[in-house]
Protein backbone atom coordinates (compact mmCIF):
# COMPACT_ATOMS: atom_id res chain seq x y z
CA MET A 1 2.55 -20.77 7.16
CA ILE A 2 -0.57 -19.09 6.06
CA LYS A 3 -0.84 -15.51 5.99
CA SER A 4 -3.97 -13.53 5.30
CA LEU A 5 -4.60 -9.91 4.67
CA VAL A 6 -8.22 -8.36 5.00
CA VAL A 7 -9.06 -4.88 4.17
CA CYS A 8 -12.44 -3.39 4.64
CA ALA A 9 -13.93 -0.01 4.75
CA CYS A 10 -16.07 0.64 7.90
CA ILE A 11 -18.10 3.74 7.66
CA ILE A 12 -19.06 4.39 11.27
CA ALA A 13 -20.92 7.66 10.68
CA THR A 14 -23.03 9.43 8.12
CA GLY A 15 -23.43 12.76 9.33
CA VAL A 16 -27.24 12.81 9.98
CA ALA A 17 -29.08 13.12 13.15
CA ASP A 18 -30.27 9.60 13.35
CA ALA A 19 -26.78 8.11 12.53
CA GLN A 20 -25.92 4.88 14.38
CA VAL A 21 -22.50 5.56 15.43
CA SER A 22 -20.08 2.95 17.04
CA VAL A 23 -18.24 4.85 19.54
CA SER A 24 -16.12 4.23 22.76
CA PRO A 25 -17.81 4.80 26.17
CA LEU A 26 -15.59 7.41 26.73
CA SER A 27 -17.18 9.77 23.97
CA LEU A 28 -20.29 10.68 22.64
CA THR A 29 -21.90 13.57 20.05
CA ILE A 30 -23.80 16.36 21.37
CA SER A 31 -24.73 17.96 17.87
CA ALA A 32 -25.57 16.07 14.67
CA GLY A 33 -22.87 17.42 12.88
CA SER A 34 -22.74 19.19 9.36
CA TRP A 35 -20.46 20.18 6.40
CA LEU A 36 -19.71 23.69 6.14
CA LEU A 37 -17.13 26.25 4.91
CA LYS A 38 -14.35 27.28 7.42
CA ASP A 39 -11.34 29.46 6.45
CA SER A 40 -12.53 28.72 2.93
CA LYS A 41 -12.19 25.20 3.27
CA LYS A 42 -15.08 22.66 3.32
CA ALA A 43 -15.01 21.35 7.03
CA TYR A 44 -17.16 18.96 8.90
CA TYR A 45 -18.41 20.77 12.10
CA VAL A 46 -19.45 18.83 15.27
CA THR A 47 -19.77 19.24 18.93
CA VAL A 48 -18.55 16.06 20.96
CA GLU A 49 -18.06 15.17 24.62
CA ALA A 50 -14.90 12.97 25.54
CA THR A 51 -13.93 11.73 29.01
CA ALA A 52 -10.40 10.44 29.59
CA ASP A 53 -7.55 10.39 32.30
CA SER A 54 -6.12 13.46 31.42
CA LYS A 55 -7.12 16.58 29.19
CA GLU A 56 -4.71 15.69 26.54
CA LEU A 57 -6.23 12.16 26.18
CA ALA A 58 -9.89 13.36 26.27
CA LEU A 59 -8.99 15.85 23.55
CA GLN A 60 -7.56 13.08 21.36
CA GLU A 61 -10.63 10.96 22.11
CA ALA A 62 -12.91 13.98 20.77
CA PHE A 63 -10.69 14.27 17.56
CA ARG A 64 -11.14 10.49 17.04
CA LEU A 65 -14.88 10.70 17.20
CA ALA A 66 -15.22 13.72 15.27
CA ILE A 67 -13.13 12.26 12.42
CA ASP A 68 -15.21 9.06 12.51
CA MET A 69 -18.20 11.07 12.32
CA ALA A 70 -16.97 12.73 9.36
CA VAL A 71 -15.28 10.40 6.90
CA GLY A 72 -15.43 6.93 8.59
CA THR A 73 -12.63 4.52 9.30
CA PHE A 74 -10.70 2.04 7.12
CA VAL A 75 -9.66 -1.07 9.02
CA ALA A 76 -7.09 -3.57 7.74
CA THR A 77 -6.45 -6.99 9.54
CA GLN A 78 -3.50 -9.25 8.83
CA THR A 79 -3.37 -12.73 10.32
CA GLU A 80 -0.32 -15.18 10.12
CA ILE A 81 -1.11 -19.03 11.01
CA ASN A 82 1.66 -21.78 11.40
CA LYS A 83 0.37 -25.25 11.71
CA ASP A 84 -3.24 -24.24 12.61
CA GLU A 85 -1.85 -21.97 15.56
CA LEU A 86 -2.48 -17.98 15.37
CA ILE A 87 0.94 -16.63 15.81
CA ARG A 88 0.19 -12.90 15.15
CA LYS A 89 -2.75 -10.80 14.31
CA GLU A 90 -2.48 -7.05 13.57
CA PHE A 91 -5.14 -4.30 13.10
CA VAL A 92 -4.33 -0.95 11.48
CA LYS A 93 -7.17 1.88 11.56
CA TYR A 94 -6.83 4.63 9.01
CA SER A 95 -9.17 7.74 8.14
CA ALA A 96 -8.45 10.23 5.73
CA GLY A 97 -9.79 13.01 7.76
CA PHE A 98 -7.65 15.78 9.50
CA ILE A 99 -8.38 18.07 12.10
CA GLN A 100 -8.40 21.63 10.97
CA ASP A 101 -9.62 23.44 14.08
CA PHE A 102 -11.19 23.15 17.53
CA GLN A 103 -12.72 24.99 20.61
CA ILE A 104 -13.27 23.68 24.19
CA LYS A 105 -16.41 24.75 25.13
CA SER A 106 -16.25 23.34 28.72
CA GLU A 107 -13.84 21.21 31.01
CA SER A 108 -14.73 19.42 34.27
CA LYS A 109 -13.35 16.83 36.69
CA PHE A 110 -14.74 13.71 37.82
CA GLY A 111 -12.44 12.28 40.36
CA LYS A 112 -9.41 11.48 38.28
CA LYS A 113 -11.08 11.90 34.91
CA THR A 114 -11.35 14.87 32.85
CA LYS A 115 -14.51 15.62 30.54
CA LEU A 116 -14.40 18.01 27.57
CA VAL A 117 -17.15 19.24 25.38
CA VAL A 118 -15.28 20.53 22.33
CA ASP A 119 -16.52 22.09 18.81
CA VAL A 120 -14.34 20.25 16.27
CA TRP A 121 -13.70 21.11 12.46
CA VAL A 122 -12.82 18.16 10.37
CA THR A 123 -11.42 18.52 6.82
CA GLU A 124 -11.04 16.04 3.90
CA SER A 125 -8.12 18.20 2.51
CA LYS A 126 -4.59 16.69 3.07
CA LEU A 127 -2.39 18.13 5.86
CA ALA A 128 -0.33 20.04 3.53
CA GLU A 129 -3.15 21.91 2.12
CA VAL A 130 -4.61 22.63 5.59
CA VAL A 131 -4.26 25.99 7.44
CA MET A 132 -4.65 25.04 10.95
CA SER A 133 -5.38 27.17 13.84
CA VAL A 134 -5.91 30.46 12.25
CA SER A 135 -4.80 33.38 15.04
CA LYS A 136 -7.66 35.60 15.69
CA ALA A 137 -5.61 38.66 16.34
CA GLU A 138 -2.40 40.05 14.87
CA GLY A 139 0.67 38.64 16.59
CA LYS A 140 -1.30 36.13 18.65
CA PHE A 141 -0.70 32.51 18.34
CA ASP A 142 -1.99 29.61 20.42
CA GLY A 143 1.07 27.04 20.26
CA LYS A 144 -0.45 24.35 22.48
CA LYS A 145 -3.59 24.31 20.39
CA SER A 146 -1.64 24.07 17.15
CA ALA A 147 0.50 21.32 18.74
CA ALA A 148 -2.48 19.30 19.54
CA ILE A 149 -3.84 19.46 16.05
CA VAL A 150 -0.44 18.70 14.36
CA ASP A 151 0.03 15.63 16.74
CA ASN A 152 -3.11 14.22 15.92
CA ASN A 153 -2.75 14.75 12.33
CA ILE A 154 0.92 13.34 12.29
CA GLU A 155 -0.35 10.03 13.81
CA ARG A 156 -2.92 9.64 11.04
CA LEU A 157 -0.07 9.80 8.57
CA LYS A 158 1.78 7.31 10.47
CA SER A 159 -1.39 5.10 10.38
CA SER A 160 -1.39 5.47 6.50
CA ASP A 161 2.35 4.08 6.60
CA LYS A 162 1.45 1.14 8.68
CA LEU A 163 -1.45 0.31 6.21
CA PHE A 164 0.62 0.28 3.33
CA ASP A 165 3.39 -1.50 4.91
CA MET A 166 1.06 -4.27 5.85
CA VAL A 167 0.05 -4.87 2.26
CA LEU A 168 3.70 -4.66 1.07
CA ASN A 169 5.02 -7.22 3.38
CA ASP A 170 3.08 -9.75 1.30
CA PHE A 171 5.24 -8.65 -1.71
CA PRO A 172 6.44 -10.65 -3.37
CA SER A 173 5.35 -13.98 -2.00
CA ARG A 174 1.63 -13.32 -2.32
CA ALA A 175 1.86 -10.72 -4.91
CA PHE A 176 1.81 -13.12 -7.96
CA PHE A 177 0.02 -16.25 -9.17
CA VAL A 178 2.59 -18.77 -10.65
CA MET A 179 1.61 -21.92 -12.63
CA THR A 180 4.02 -24.53 -14.16
CA ARG A 181 3.34 -26.57 -17.36
CA ASP A 182 4.95 -29.63 -18.80
CA ILE A 183 8.32 -29.99 -17.51
CA ASN A 184 10.96 -31.61 -19.95
CA VAL A 185 14.68 -32.60 -19.91
CA SER A 186 17.13 -31.86 -22.52
CA LEU A 187 20.79 -32.11 -23.25
CA VAL A 188 22.81 -29.23 -23.93
CA GLY A 189 26.15 -30.40 -25.07
CA ARG A 190 26.78 -32.98 -22.25
CA ASP A 191 24.76 -30.98 -19.87
CA VAL A 192 21.55 -32.28 -18.42
CA VAL A 193 19.19 -29.39 -18.24
CA VAL A 194 15.47 -29.50 -16.69
CA ASN A 195 13.19 -26.87 -18.68
CA VAL A 196 10.20 -25.53 -16.51
CA PRO A 197 7.51 -23.75 -18.71
CA THR A 198 6.21 -20.96 -16.14
CA HIS A 199 3.20 -18.69 -16.35
CA ILE A 200 3.41 -15.63 -14.11
CA GLU A 201 0.96 -12.76 -13.55
CA TRP A 202 -0.18 -10.62 -10.81
CA HIS A 203 -2.50 -12.17 -8.14
CA PRO A 204 -5.81 -10.04 -8.55
CA ARG A 205 -6.40 -10.26 -4.69
CA TYR A 206 -3.19 -8.49 -4.06
CA MET A 207 -3.67 -6.05 -6.72
CA ASN A 208 -7.15 -5.24 -5.36
CA ALA A 209 -5.71 -4.98 -1.90
CA LEU A 210 -2.78 -2.64 -3.00
CA SER A 211 -5.11 -0.51 -5.09
CA GLU A 212 -7.55 -0.26 -2.17
CA VAL A 213 -4.83 1.10 0.07
CA PHE A 214 -3.55 3.61 -2.65
CA GLU A 215 -7.18 5.02 -2.90
CA LYS A 216 -7.57 5.27 0.84
CA THR A 217 -4.11 7.09 1.65
CA ARG A 218 -3.33 9.10 -1.46
CA GLN A 219 -3.46 12.85 -1.10
CA GLY A 220 -4.18 13.59 -4.81
CA THR A 221 -5.24 12.09 -8.03
CA GLU A 222 -3.45 13.89 -10.53
CA PRO A 223 0.20 13.55 -11.67
CA ASN A 224 3.08 15.90 -12.16
CA THR A 225 3.41 17.30 -15.54
CA TYR A 226 6.13 19.31 -17.38
CA GLU A 227 3.98 22.62 -16.80
CA LYS A 228 3.49 21.66 -13.11
CA HIS A 229 5.20 19.72 -10.52
CA GLU A 230 2.72 19.86 -7.27
CA TRP A 231 3.48 16.52 -5.71
CA GLU A 232 6.54 15.10 -4.20
CA SER A 233 5.98 11.54 -5.34
CA VAL A 234 3.33 10.01 -7.85
CA ILE A 235 2.48 6.37 -8.39
CA ARG A 236 0.78 5.24 -11.26
CA TYR A 237 -0.97 1.73 -10.93
CA LYS A 238 -4.05 -0.38 -12.47
CA LYS A 239 -5.70 -3.72 -11.52
CA SER A 240 -5.94 -6.72 -13.93
CA ASN A 241 -9.42 -5.67 -15.27
CA GLU A 242 -8.72 -1.92 -15.86
CA ILE A 243 -7.74 -0.42 -19.13
CA PHE A 244 -6.29 2.87 -17.90
CA MET A 245 -3.83 3.71 -15.24
CA SER A 246 -4.98 5.31 -11.69
CA VAL A 247 -2.84 7.95 -10.07
CA ALA A 248 -1.88 8.30 -6.22
CA SER A 249 -0.20 11.22 -5.57
CA TYR A 250 1.56 12.15 -2.39
CA ARG A 251 3.08 15.25 -0.62
CA ASP A 252 6.23 13.18 0.91
CA LYS A 253 8.24 10.11 -0.38
CA GLN A 254 7.27 7.56 2.51
CA LYS A 255 5.13 5.50 0.22
CA LEU A 256 7.43 5.74 -2.73
CA ASP A 257 10.30 4.50 -0.55
CA ALA A 258 8.70 2.00 0.86
CA ILE A 259 7.67 0.67 -2.84
CA ILE A 260 11.37 1.03 -4.11
CA HIS A 261 12.49 -1.08 -0.96
CA ARG A 262 10.30 -4.00 -1.47
CA MET A 263 9.96 -3.95 -5.45
CA ILE A 264 13.50 -2.79 -6.19
CA ASP A 265 16.14 -2.99 -3.57
CA ASP A 266 15.08 -6.49 -2.08
CA GLY A 267 13.10 -7.18 -5.47
CA PRO A 268 11.67 -10.39 -6.76
CA VAL A 269 13.33 -13.32 -8.20
CA LEU A 270 12.13 -16.57 -9.54
CA LYS A 271 13.28 -19.42 -7.43
CA VAL A 272 12.98 -23.36 -8.97
CA ASP A 273 13.35 -25.91 -6.30
CA ILE A 274 13.72 -29.56 -7.75
CA LYS A 275 12.15 -32.03 -5.49
CA ASP A 276 12.34 -35.79 -4.97
CA SER A 277 9.15 -38.06 -4.34
CA SER A 278 9.18 -37.27 -0.78
CA ASN A 279 8.66 -33.50 -1.54
CA LYS A 280 12.42 -32.68 -0.35
CA SER A 281 14.38 -30.17 -2.00
CA ILE A 282 17.40 -31.76 -4.12
CA MET A 283 18.63 -28.47 -5.39
CA TYR A 284 17.38 -25.02 -6.33
CA ASN A 285 18.59 -21.99 -8.69
CA CYS A 286 17.28 -18.52 -8.43
CA PHE A 287 16.57 -16.38 -11.61
CA ASN A 288 16.51 -12.65 -12.19
CA TYR A 289 13.36 -12.36 -14.27
CA THR A 290 14.51 -11.54 -17.66
CA TYR A 291 13.50 -11.76 -21.33
CA PHE A 292 15.17 -11.16 -24.56
CA ASN A 293 14.20 -8.40 -26.93
CA GLY A 294 15.12 -10.12 -30.10
CA TYR A 295 18.49 -8.31 -30.26
CA PHE A 296 20.19 -10.88 -27.72
CA ASN A 297 19.78 -8.10 -24.75
CA ALA A 298 18.60 -9.63 -21.62
CA GLU A 299 16.06 -6.98 -20.29
CA PRO A 300 14.65 -7.29 -16.81
CA LEU A 301 10.81 -7.37 -16.19
CA MET A 302 11.12 -6.96 -12.47
CA SER A 303 14.01 -4.38 -11.86
CA GLY A 304 12.14 -1.04 -12.27
CA TYR A 305 13.89 -0.54 -15.80
CA TYR A 306 11.86 1.57 -18.15
CA LYS A 307 11.67 0.65 -21.48
CA LYS A 308 9.89 1.87 -24.46
CA ASP A 309 8.87 0.45 -28.35
CA SER A 310 10.18 2.17 -31.28
CA GLN A 311 7.02 4.35 -31.11
CA GLY A 312 7.74 5.57 -27.53
CA PHE A 313 5.22 3.73 -25.96
CA LEU A 314 5.88 1.59 -22.80
CA GLU A 315 6.52 -2.12 -23.32
CA GLY A 316 4.88 -4.70 -21.20
CA GLN A 317 6.31 -5.20 -17.68
CA PHE A 318 5.30 -5.85 -14.21
CA PHE A 319 6.41 -2.39 -12.71
CA SER A 320 8.96 0.29 -13.57
CA PHE A 321 10.28 3.79 -12.51
CA GLY A 322 8.75 6.61 -14.63
CA GLY A 323 5.30 7.27 -16.37
CA ALA A 324 3.75 6.67 -19.61
CA ASN A 325 2.01 8.37 -22.48
CA THR A 326 -1.98 7.97 -22.27
CA HIS A 327 -4.77 8.42 -24.83
CA ASN A 328 -5.29 12.13 -25.53
CA LYS A 329 -3.10 13.55 -22.78
CA ARG A 330 0.25 15.07 -22.80
CA TYR A 331 3.29 12.76 -21.11
CA GLU A 332 2.29 12.31 -17.42
CA GLU A 333 5.29 12.13 -15.08
CA ALA A 334 5.42 9.52 -12.45
CA ASP A 335 7.96 8.31 -10.19
CA PHE A 336 6.87 4.59 -10.23
CA SER A 337 4.10 2.46 -12.39
CA ILE A 338 2.67 -0.60 -11.49
CA TYR A 339 1.07 -2.77 -14.14
CA GLY A 340 -1.43 -5.00 -12.75
CA ASP A 341 -2.72 -6.42 -16.09
CA PHE A 342 0.49 -7.64 -17.13
CA LYS A 343 1.31 -11.40 -17.44
CA HIS A 344 4.34 -13.39 -18.84
CA ASP A 345 5.31 -16.90 -20.05
CA ILE A 346 8.91 -17.91 -19.61
CA VAL A 347 11.14 -21.12 -19.67
CA LEU A 348 13.20 -21.53 -16.59
CA SER A 349 16.22 -23.76 -17.47
CA VAL A 350 17.87 -25.60 -14.69
CA LYS A 351 21.23 -27.37 -15.39
CA LEU A 352 21.67 -30.41 -12.94
CA PRO A 353 25.26 -30.29 -11.35
CA ASN A 354 25.20 -34.15 -11.62
CA LYS A 355 23.11 -36.17 -14.07
CA ASN A 356 22.50 -38.69 -11.32
CA LEU A 357 20.06 -36.17 -9.80
CA LEU A 358 17.66 -36.70 -12.62
CA GLU A 359 16.65 -40.17 -11.25
CA ASN A 360 15.61 -38.83 -7.85
CA MET A 361 13.54 -35.97 -9.40
CA SER A 362 9.90 -36.03 -8.99
CA SER A 363 8.74 -32.24 -9.27
CA ALA A 364 9.91 -28.77 -9.69
CA GLU A 365 8.33 -25.76 -7.81
CA VAL A 366 8.51 -22.24 -8.98
CA SER A 367 7.89 -19.62 -6.50
CA VAL A 368 8.49 -15.54 -6.40
CA VAL A 369 10.94 -14.79 -3.55
CA PRO A 370 12.84 -11.79 -2.40
CA LYS A 371 16.47 -11.46 -3.49
CA SER A 372 17.57 -11.69 0.21
CA GLU A 373 16.01 -15.32 0.48
CA CYS A 374 18.05 -16.53 -2.56
CA ASN A 375 21.77 -17.46 -1.88
CA GLU A 376 22.11 -19.05 -5.30
CA ARG A 377 21.11 -16.86 -8.23
CA LYS A 378 21.44 -17.47 -12.08
CA ILE A 379 20.43 -15.25 -14.72
């Protein structure tokens, strides 16, 4: 089975009069659009015309076009192929723009269709920071108008969750590059042991995709500190070719909970599959990924355990709960950290239950799988 994930940023508007915009036949722009201040927030103002089967659908179509004009749309595509047959193809569209306000200028009917001309204000500020539908008179409030804006903005937050889940679905099976070196056999007492030297590191393509989704969906780039706790969840990450950590801050815990479920609750284990010359599995063992720290204590590199060296700095690992010290900065608090530049070498030793199995052994395949896919586990 082949699964692939493609993420691309598709900017379908530039905010200038002669912009080439890809739009639905149901909507078009009346004005060129421009950035200005509204209610002390930077907002993109544009007038659009939208036609749909109902007023509500026409309004949502107007919102979609206005947001595309303001900040563009990010599209992720995931395909899954089994024996050269496409069994699933999924598209997720996401935009970082949110509706701040709107005014319906005109409404008309064409048979069963409704056409609206709408002034729309779009902000890049995130939902929790946006003051939506400011009342124009004391004691007055337009509930229907606010509901339309809230519904549209919540749908955009849900699409960001789908985008995030799409990338996490490839964890851990496609998140790591694994390579085995010269396999050898040894006797430990009377037991026959197959030793599989293994190198493992983050796959650059996976870290690039994960980082890009962080950059598209994050609501801030600053971590919480001891003095200020502004964000509900903070995730730190870096790609294999980067030195410093980047930050993705969120007003809620949906992204953090999704990471913890994938990377911790049903986290990765190393599976060694002993195979014969016909590539048929003879036996397999699963290993929690640990290393010995020199004091005969096995410490997990893929459990979320947060460890420091004697000077208080983070020791190498793939990911962990918590934050880390950075150059010339105070301690920055984070809920989870992903170290895309970490790599490790380990020897996986599989004890054969029967020495006669050695005669049929032809290869040993190492893969990274979720705990739930491994029935037999050995530390």
